[in-house]
């Protein structure tokens, strides 16, 4: 979704719980044009027009 939104011209803010993954998520956007934040930082980047929640992998 980061890639689709970025190439569509959207300003992308990705909320990623694990800070060690932030660089990998940011690299998905062309030229790294995405803000990657932790969930506690989401409000500072609001308002949002579209929110996509993707959940995968183990949650335990």
PDB file of N, CA and C in Angstrom:
ATOM      1  N   UNK A   1       0.812  -1.194   0.000  1.00  0.00           N
ATOM      2  CA  UNK A   1       0.000   0.000   0.000  1.00  0.00           C
ATOM      3  C   UNK A   1       0.854   1.256   0.000  1.00  0.00           C
ATOM      4  N   UNK A   2       2.012   1.194   0.645  1.00  0.00           N
ATOM      5  CA  UNK A   2       2.913   2.354   0.633  1.00  0.00           C
ATOM      6  C   UNK A   2       3.285   2.690  -0.809  1.00  0.00           C
ATOM      7  N   UNK A   3       3.615   1.692  -1.588  1.00  0.00           N
ATOM      8  CA  UNK A   3       4.009   1.916  -2.975  1.00  0.00           C
ATOM      9  C   UNK A   3       2.862   2.457  -3.809  1.00  0.00           C
ATOM     10  N   UNK A   4       1.688   1.867  -3.679  1.00  0.00           N
ATOM     11  CA  UNK A   4       0.525   2.296  -4.459  1.00  0.00           C
ATOM     12  C   UNK A   4       0.168   3.740  -4.124  1.00  0.00           C
ATOM     13  N   UNK A   5       0.109   4.057  -2.847  1.00  0.00           N
ATOM     14  CA  UNK A   5      -0.234   5.417  -2.442  1.00  0.00           C
ATOM     15  C   UNK A   5       0.803   6.425  -2.920  1.00  0.00           C
ATOM     16  N   UNK A   6       2.072   6.087  -2.778  1.00  0.00           N
ATOM     17  CA  UNK A   6       3.142   7.020  -3.161  1.00  0.00           C
ATOM     18  C   UNK A   6       3.131   7.303  -4.665  1.00  0.00           C
ATOM     19  N   UNK A   7       3.004   6.272  -5.485  1.00  0.00           N
ATOM     20  CA  UNK A   7       3.011   6.513  -6.937  1.00  0.00           C
ATOM     21  C   UNK A   7       1.724   7.174  -7.402  1.00  0.00           C
ATOM     22  N   UNK A   8       0.686   7.144  -6.565  1.00  0.00           N
ATOM     23  CA  UNK A   8      -0.565   7.829  -6.887  1.00  0.00           C
ATOM     24  C   UNK A   8      -0.516   9.301  -6.512  1.00  0.00           C
ATOM     25  N   UNK A   9       0.576   9.705  -5.870  1.00  0.00           N
ATOM     26  CA  UNK A   9       0.747  11.105  -5.510  1.00  0.00           C
ATOM     27  C   UNK A   9       0.300  11.455  -4.104  1.00  0.00           C
ATOM     28  N   UNK A  10      -0.083  10.464  -3.325  1.00  0.00           N
ATOM     29  CA  UNK A  10      -0.539  10.721  -1.958  1.00  0.00           C
ATOM     30  C   UNK A  10       0.647  11.006  -1.039  1.00  0.00           C
ATOM     31  N   UNK A  11       0.392  11.775  -0.011  1.00  0.00           N
ATOM     32  CA  UNK A  11       1.372  11.923   1.065  1.00  0.00           C
ATOM     33  C   UNK A  11       1.188  10.716   1.963  1.00  0.00           C
ATOM     34  N   UNK A  12       2.218   9.927   2.144  1.00  0.00           N
ATOM     35  CA  UNK A  12       2.118   8.664   2.861  1.00  0.00           C
ATOM     36  C   UNK A  12       2.687   8.796   4.271  1.00  0.00           C
ATOM     37  N   UNK A  13       1.887   8.371   5.236  1.00  0.00           N
ATOM     38  CA  UNK A  13       2.357   8.216   6.605  1.00  0.00           C
ATOM     39  C   UNK A  13       2.076   6.776   6.993  1.00  0.00           C
ATOM     40  N   UNK A  14       3.124   6.034   7.275  1.00  0.00           N
ATOM     41  CA  UNK A  14       2.986   4.624   7.651  1.00  0.00           C
ATOM     42  C   UNK A  14       3.254   4.485   9.137  1.00  0.00           C
ATOM     43  N   UNK A  15       2.359   3.807   9.816  1.00  0.00           N
ATOM     44  CA  UNK A  15       2.524   3.561  11.244  1.00  0.00           C
ATOM     45  C   UNK A  15       3.056   2.145  11.418  1.00  0.00           C
ATOM     46  N   UNK A  16       4.268   2.058  11.949  1.00  0.00           N
ATOM     47  CA  UNK A  16       4.931   0.764  12.109  1.00  0.00           C
ATOM     48  C   UNK A  16       5.378   0.646  13.555  1.00  0.00           C
ATOM     49  N   UNK A  17       4.898  -0.361  14.213  1.00  0.00           N
ATOM     50  CA  UNK A  17       5.146  -0.541  15.642  1.00  0.00           C
ATOM     51  C   UNK A  17       6.621  -0.719  15.962  1.00  0.00           C
ATOM     52  N   UNK A  18       7.354  -1.454  15.142  1.00  0.00           N
ATOM     53  CA  UNK A  18       8.763  -1.774  15.442  1.00  0.00           C
ATOM     54  C   UNK A  18       9.708  -0.790  14.741  1.00  0.00           C
ATOM     55  N   UNK A  19      10.369   0.079  15.499  1.00  0.00           N
ATOM     56  CA  UNK A  19      11.262   1.083  14.909  1.00  0.00           C
ATOM     57  C   UNK A  19      12.352   0.500  14.017  1.00  0.00           C
ATOM     58  N   UNK A  20      12.788  -0.719  14.279  1.00  0.00           N
ATOM     59  CA  UNK A  20      13.840  -1.314  13.454  1.00  0.00           C
ATOM     60  C   UNK A  20      13.354  -1.615  12.025  1.00  0.00           C
ATOM     61  N   UNK A  21      12.065  -1.550  11.784  1.00  0.00           N
ATOM     62  CA  UNK A  21      11.525  -1.777  10.443  1.00  0.00           C
ATOM     63  C   UNK A  21      11.221  -0.479   9.691  1.00  0.00           C
ATOM     64  N   UNK A  22      11.358   0.651  10.348  1.00  0.00           N
ATOM     65  CA  UNK A  22      11.004   1.930   9.729  1.00  0.00           C
ATOM     66  C   UNK A  22      11.766   2.188   8.433  1.00  0.00           C
ATOM     67  N   UNK A  23      13.041   1.945   8.411  1.00  0.00           N
ATOM     68  CA  UNK A  23      13.835   2.209   7.200  1.00  0.00           C
ATOM     69  C   UNK A  23      13.375   1.328   6.042  1.00  0.00           C
ATOM     70  N   UNK A  24      13.030   0.094   6.320  1.00  0.00           N
ATOM     71  CA  UNK A  24      12.567  -0.811   5.260  1.00  0.00           C
ATOM     72  C   UNK A  24      11.243  -0.343   4.673  1.00  0.00           C
ATOM     73  N   UNK A  25      10.354   0.140   5.523  1.00  0.00           N
ATOM     74  CA  UNK A  25       9.063   0.626   5.040  1.00  0.00           C
ATOM     75  C   UNK A  25       9.257   1.920   4.252  1.00  0.00           C
ATOM     76  N   UNK A  26      10.075   2.815   4.763  1.00  0.00           N
ATOM     77  CA  UNK A  26      10.341   4.080   4.060  1.00  0.00           C
ATOM     78  C   UNK A  26      10.932   3.830   2.677  1.00  0.00           C
ATOM     79  N   UNK A  27      11.763   2.803   2.553  1.00  0.00           N
ATOM     80  CA  UNK A  27      12.392   2.467   1.276  1.00  0.00           C
ATOM     81  C   UNK A  27      11.388   1.968   0.236  1.00  0.00           C
ATOM     82  N   UNK A  28      10.201   1.586   0.648  1.00  0.00           N
ATOM     83  CA  UNK A  28       9.182   1.134  -0.300  1.00  0.00           C
ATOM     84  C   UNK A  28       8.645   2.274  -1.157  1.00  0.00           C
ATOM     85  N   UNK A  29       8.660   3.470  -0.625  1.00  0.00           N
ATOM     86  CA  UNK A  29       8.150   4.626  -1.363  1.00  0.00           C
ATOM     87  C   UNK A  29       9.227   5.146  -2.309  1.00  0.00           C
ATOM     88  N   UNK A  30       8.832   5.560  -3.506  1.00  0.00           N
ATOM     89  CA  UNK A  30       9.820   6.131  -4.430  1.00  0.00           C
ATOM     90  C   UNK A  30      10.560   7.296  -3.768  1.00  0.00           C
ATOM     91  N   UNK A  31      11.858   7.293  -3.871  1.00  0.00           N
ATOM     92  CA  UNK A  31      12.697   8.343  -3.283  1.00  0.00           C
ATOM     93  C   UNK A  31      12.517   8.467  -1.772  1.00  0.00           C
ATOM     94  N   UNK A  32      11.991   7.426  -1.120  1.00  0.00           N
ATOM     95  CA  UNK A  32      11.804   7.461   0.330  1.00  0.00           C
ATOM     96  C   UNK A  32      10.807   8.490   0.798  1.00  0.00           C
ATOM     97  N   UNK A  33       9.871   8.891  -0.072  1.00  0.00           N
ATOM     98  CA  UNK A  33       8.902   9.940   0.263  1.00  0.00           C
ATOM     99  C   UNK A  33       7.735   9.390   1.077  1.00  0.00           C
ATOM    100  N   UNK A  34       8.021   8.975   2.266  1.00  0.00           N
ATOM    101  CA  UNK A  34       6.984   8.516   3.197  1.00  0.00           C
ATOM    102  C   UNK A  34       7.448   8.833   4.606  1.00  0.00           C
ATOM    103  N   UNK A  35       6.518   9.241   5.425  1.00  0.00           N
ATOM    104  CA  UNK A  35       6.810   9.407   6.838  1.00  0.00           C
ATOM    105  C   UNK A  35       6.498   8.076   7.509  1.00  0.00           C
ATOM    106  N   UNK A  36       7.400   7.592   8.317  1.00  0.00           N
ATOM    107  CA  UNK A  36       7.172   6.348   9.047  1.00  0.00           C
ATOM    108  C   UNK A  36       7.247   6.681  10.529  1.00  0.00           C
ATOM    109  N   UNK A  37       6.167   6.376  11.224  1.00  0.00           N
ATOM    110  CA  UNK A  37       6.044   6.736  12.632  1.00  0.00           C
ATOM    111  C   UNK A  37       5.627   5.520  13.451  1.00  0.00           C
ATOM    112  N   UNK A  38       5.761   5.630  14.759  1.00  0.00           N
ATOM    113  CA  UNK A  38       5.230   4.603  15.656  1.00  0.00           C
ATOM    114  C   UNK A  38       3.774   4.971  15.971  1.00  0.00           C
ATOM    115  N   UNK A  39       2.966   4.017  16.421  1.00  0.00           N
ATOM    116  CA  UNK A  39       1.557   4.313  16.682  1.00  0.00           C
ATOM    117  C   UNK A  39       1.317   5.499  17.620  1.00  0.00           C
ATOM    118  N   UNK A  40       2.188   5.717  18.566  1.00  0.00           N
ATOM    119  CA  UNK A  40       1.989   6.848  19.483  1.00  0.00           C
ATOM    120  C   UNK A  40       2.266   8.197  18.826  1.00  0.00           C
ATOM    121  N   UNK A  41       2.814   8.209  17.624  1.00  0.00           N
ATOM    122  CA  UNK A  41       3.101   9.449  16.899  1.00  0.00           C
ATOM    123  C   UNK A  41       2.058   9.757  15.828  1.00  0.00           C
ATOM    124  N   UNK A  42       1.084   8.882  15.637  1.00  0.00           N
ATOM    125  CA  UNK A  42       0.101   9.048  14.561  1.00  0.00           C
ATOM    126  C   UNK A  42      -0.664  10.359  14.644  1.00  0.00           C
ATOM    127  N   UNK A  43      -1.099  10.733  15.819  1.00  0.00           N
ATOM    128  CA  UNK A  43      -1.926  11.935  15.981  1.00  0.00           C
ATOM    129  C   UNK A  43      -1.202  13.192  15.512  1.00  0.00           C
ATOM    130  N   UNK A  44       0.098  13.238  15.661  1.00  0.00           N
ATOM    131  CA  UNK A  44       0.871  14.414  15.258  1.00  0.00           C
ATOM    132  C   UNK A  44       0.896  14.594  13.744  1.00  0.00           C
ATOM    133  N   UNK A  45       0.571  13.550  12.991  1.00  0.00           N
ATOM    134  CA  UNK A  45       0.602  13.623  11.526  1.00  0.00           C
ATOM    135  C   UNK A  45      -0.799  13.725  10.924  1.00  0.00           C
ATOM    136  N   UNK A  46      -1.834  13.743  11.752  1.00  0.00           N
ATOM    137  CA  UNK A  46      -3.216  13.822  11.284  1.00  0.00           C
ATOM    138  C   UNK A  46      -3.517  15.215  10.741  1.00  0.00           C
ATOM    139  N   UNK A  47      -4.556  15.394   9.993  1.00  0.00           N
ATOM    140  CA  UNK A  47      -5.626  14.459   9.671  1.00  0.00           C
ATOM    141  C   UNK A  47      -5.250  13.570   8.483  1.00  0.00           C
ATOM    142  N   UNK A  48      -5.956  12.465   8.368  1.00  0.00           N
ATOM    143  CA  UNK A  48      -5.746  11.509   7.284  1.00  0.00           C
ATOM    144  C   UNK A  48      -7.011  11.421   6.440  1.00  0.00           C
ATOM    145  N   UNK A  49      -6.843  11.270   5.139  1.00  0.00           N
ATOM    146  CA  UNK A  49      -7.981  11.091   4.244  1.00  0.00           C
ATOM    147  C   UNK A  49      -8.353   9.622   4.097  1.00  0.00           C
ATOM    148  N   UNK A  50      -7.347   8.756   4.079  1.00  0.00           N
ATOM    149  CA  UNK A  50      -7.573   7.327   3.910  1.00  0.00           C
ATOM    150  C   UNK A  50      -6.679   6.581   4.892  1.00  0.00           C
ATOM    151  N   UNK A  51      -7.247   5.575   5.537  1.00  0.00           N
ATOM    152  CA  UNK A  51      -6.471   4.733   6.445  1.00  0.00           C
ATOM    153  C   UNK A  51      -6.627   3.294   5.994  1.00  0.00           C
ATOM    154  N   UNK A  52      -5.505   2.607   5.829  1.00  0.00           N
ATOM    155  CA  UNK A  52      -5.510   1.192   5.469  1.00  0.00           C
ATOM    156  C   UNK A  52      -4.786   0.458   6.587  1.00  0.00           C
ATOM    157  N   UNK A  53      -5.454  -0.516   7.161  1.00  0.00           N
ATOM    158  CA  UNK A  53      -4.832  -1.284   8.236  1.00  0.00           C
ATOM    159  C   UNK A  53      -4.536  -2.685   7.716  1.00  0.00           C
ATOM    160  N   UNK A  54      -3.260  -3.006   7.668  1.00  0.00           N
ATOM    161  CA  UNK A  54      -2.828  -4.309   7.217  1.00  0.00           C
ATOM    162  C   UNK A  54      -2.244  -5.055   8.406  1.00  0.00           C
ATOM    163  N   UNK A  55      -2.751  -6.226   8.663  1.00  0.00           N
ATOM    164  CA  UNK A  55      -2.276  -7.028   9.777  1.00  0.00           C
ATOM    165  C   UNK A  55      -1.811  -8.362   9.222  1.00  0.00           C
ATOM    166  N   UNK A  56      -0.632  -8.766   9.619  1.00  0.00           N
ATOM    167  CA  UNK A  56      -0.129 -10.037   9.136  1.00  0.00           C
ATOM    168  C   UNK A  56       0.889 -10.622  10.088  1.00  0.00           C
ATOM    169  N   UNK A  57       1.163 -11.869   9.915  1.00  0.00           N
ATOM    170  CA  UNK A  57       2.164 -12.523  10.741  1.00  0.00           C
ATOM    171  C   UNK A  57       1.661 -12.820  12.132  1.00  0.00           C
ATOM    172  N   UNK A  58       2.547 -13.277  12.955  1.00  0.00           N
ATOM    173  CA  UNK A  58       2.206 -13.613  14.332  1.00  0.00           C
ATOM    174  C   UNK A  58       1.929 -12.364  15.137  1.00  0.00           C
ATOM    175  N   UNK A  59       0.983 -12.446  16.022  1.00  0.00           N
ATOM    176  CA  UNK A  59       0.625 -11.302  16.868  1.00  0.00           C
ATOM    177  C   UNK A  59       0.912 -11.578  18.336  1.00  0.00           C
ATOM    178  N   UNK A  60       1.525 -12.685  18.623  1.00  0.00           N
ATOM    179  CA  UNK A  60       1.779 -13.037  20.026  1.00  0.00           C
ATOM    180  C   UNK A  60       3.154 -12.653  20.458  1.00  0.00           C
TER     181      UNK A  60
END
